[in-house]
Amino acid sequence: MLARLGPGQRVHVCEEAAGGKWFGIVYSPAPGTQDCGVGTPAACPHPYRGPCASGWVDARYITVVAG
């Protein structure tokens, strides 16, 4: 484990792996304080290099609310 998300913390799901069991996410370490720059789809897959944190999370800990 590299970081811990708080209850209800919003993240951007950018990728999924292992048949949807893992989500690649991007999130602001201080919720609501920073635009992570992932509001539109990328033309082709590439590693995230923006100002926010990123990583992988087990999909069972994520509730998809839009998209």
C-alpha atoms as a PDB file:
ATOM      1  CA  MET A   1       0.000   0.000   0.000  1.00  0.00           C
ATOM      2  CA  LEU A   2       1.338   3.409  -1.001  1.00  0.00           C
ATOM      3  CA  ALA A   3      -1.570   5.621   0.052  1.00  0.00           C
ATOM      4  CA  ARG A   4      -4.981   5.428   1.664  1.00  0.00           C
ATOM      5  CA  LEU A   5      -8.139   6.989   0.265  1.00  0.00           C
ATOM      6  CA  GLY A   6     -10.642   8.413   2.712  1.00  0.00           C
ATOM      7  CA  PRO A   7     -14.312   7.390   2.764  1.00  0.00           C
ATOM      8  CA  GLY A   8     -16.181   9.133  -0.037  1.00  0.00           C
ATOM      9  CA  GLN A   9     -13.023  10.532  -1.625  1.00  0.00           C
ATOM     10  CA  ARG A  10     -13.629  11.148  -5.309  1.00  0.00           C
ATOM     11  CA  VAL A  11     -11.221   9.740  -7.871  1.00  0.00           C
ATOM     12  CA  HIS A  12     -11.029   9.594 -11.658  1.00  0.00           C
ATOM     13  CA  VAL A  13     -11.049   6.032 -12.984  1.00  0.00           C
ATOM     14  CA  CYS A  14      -8.805   6.096 -16.045  1.00  0.00           C
ATOM     15  CA  GLU A  15      -8.148   2.418 -16.702  1.00  0.00           C
ATOM     16  CA  GLU A  16      -9.194  -1.045 -15.631  1.00  0.00           C
ATOM     17  CA  ALA A  17      -7.291  -4.320 -15.558  1.00  0.00           C
ATOM     18  CA  ALA A  18      -7.736  -7.992 -14.669  1.00  0.00           C
ATOM     19  CA  GLY A  19     -11.278  -8.134 -16.029  1.00  0.00           C
ATOM     20  CA  GLY A  20     -12.389  -5.055 -14.105  1.00  0.00           C
ATOM     21  CA  LYS A  21     -10.977  -6.172 -10.750  1.00  0.00           C
ATOM     22  CA  TRP A  22      -8.455  -3.298 -10.572  1.00  0.00           C
ATOM     23  CA  PHE A  23      -8.904   0.367 -11.465  1.00  0.00           C
ATOM     24  CA  GLY A  24      -6.152   2.776 -12.472  1.00  0.00           C
ATOM     25  CA  ILE A  25      -7.064   6.021 -10.714  1.00  0.00           C
ATOM     26  CA  VAL A  26      -5.990   9.652 -10.493  1.00  0.00           C
ATOM     27  CA  TYR A  27      -6.889  11.752  -7.451  1.00  0.00           C
ATOM     28  CA  SER A  28      -6.019  14.940  -5.638  1.00  0.00           C
ATOM     29  CA  PRO A  29      -4.205  14.158  -2.359  1.00  0.00           C
ATOM     30  CA  ALA A  30      -6.060  17.133  -0.812  1.00  0.00           C
ATOM     31  CA  PRO A  31      -9.628  16.571  -2.113  1.00  0.00           C
ATOM     32  CA  GLY A  32     -11.217  19.517  -3.868  1.00  0.00           C
ATOM     33  CA  THR A  33      -8.036  21.548  -4.111  1.00  0.00           C
ATOM     34  CA  GLN A  34      -6.563  20.687  -7.491  1.00  0.00           C
ATOM     35  CA  ASP A  35      -7.667  20.047 -11.067  1.00  0.00           C
ATOM     36  CA  CYS A  36      -5.954  16.812 -12.093  1.00  0.00           C
ATOM     37  CA  GLY A  37      -6.324  17.511 -15.818  1.00  0.00           C
ATOM     38  CA  VAL A  38      -8.118  14.276 -16.670  1.00  0.00           C
ATOM     39  CA  GLY A  39     -11.541  15.627 -17.609  1.00  0.00           C
ATOM     40  CA  THR A  40     -11.367  14.578 -21.274  1.00  0.00           C
ATOM     41  CA  PRO A  41     -10.346  11.272 -22.873  1.00  0.00           C
ATOM     42  CA  ALA A  42      -6.772  10.894 -24.130  1.00  0.00           C
ATOM     43  CA  ALA A  43      -6.190  10.182 -27.823  1.00  0.00           C
ATOM     44  CA  CYS A  44      -4.067   7.154 -26.910  1.00  0.00           C
ATOM     45  CA  PRO A  45      -3.157   5.471 -23.596  1.00  0.00           C
ATOM     46  CA  HIS A  46      -0.146   6.936 -21.794  1.00  0.00           C
ATOM     47  CA  PRO A  47       1.183   7.149 -18.215  1.00  0.00           C
ATOM     48  CA  TYR A  48      -0.291   9.942 -16.069  1.00  0.00           C
ATOM     49  CA  ARG A  49       2.199  12.773 -15.530  1.00  0.00           C
ATOM     50  CA  GLY A  50      -0.075  15.454 -14.103  1.00  0.00           C
ATOM     51  CA  PRO A  51      -0.053  17.322 -10.781  1.00  0.00           C
ATOM     52  CA  CYS A  52      -2.120  14.772  -8.809  1.00  0.00           C
ATOM     53  CA  ALA A  53      -1.461  11.332  -7.380  1.00  0.00           C
ATOM     54  CA  SER A  54      -2.174   8.136  -9.313  1.00  0.00           C
ATOM     55  CA  GLY A  55      -2.160   4.417  -8.697  1.00  0.00           C
ATOM     56  CA  TRP A  56      -4.196   1.212  -8.701  1.00  0.00           C
ATOM     57  CA  VAL A  57      -7.036   0.248  -6.381  1.00  0.00           C
ATOM     58  CA  ASP A  58      -9.059  -2.947  -5.982  1.00  0.00           C
ATOM     59  CA  ALA A  59     -12.384  -2.290  -7.736  1.00  0.00           C
ATOM     60  CA  ARG A  60     -14.380  -3.511  -4.732  1.00  0.00           C
ATOM     61  CA  TYR A  61     -13.418  -0.295  -2.922  1.00  0.00           C
ATOM     62  CA  ILE A  62     -14.751   1.985  -5.690  1.00  0.00           C
ATOM     63  CA  THR A  63     -18.380   2.956  -6.296  1.00  0.00           C
ATOM     64  CA  VAL A  64     -18.816   4.322  -9.817  1.00  0.00           C
ATOM     65  CA  VAL A  65     -21.190   7.316  -9.696  1.00  0.00           C
ATOM     66  CA  ALA A  66     -20.973   8.645 -13.293  1.00  0.00           C
ATOM     67  CA  GLY A  67     -19.754   7.679 -16.710  1.00  0.00           C
END
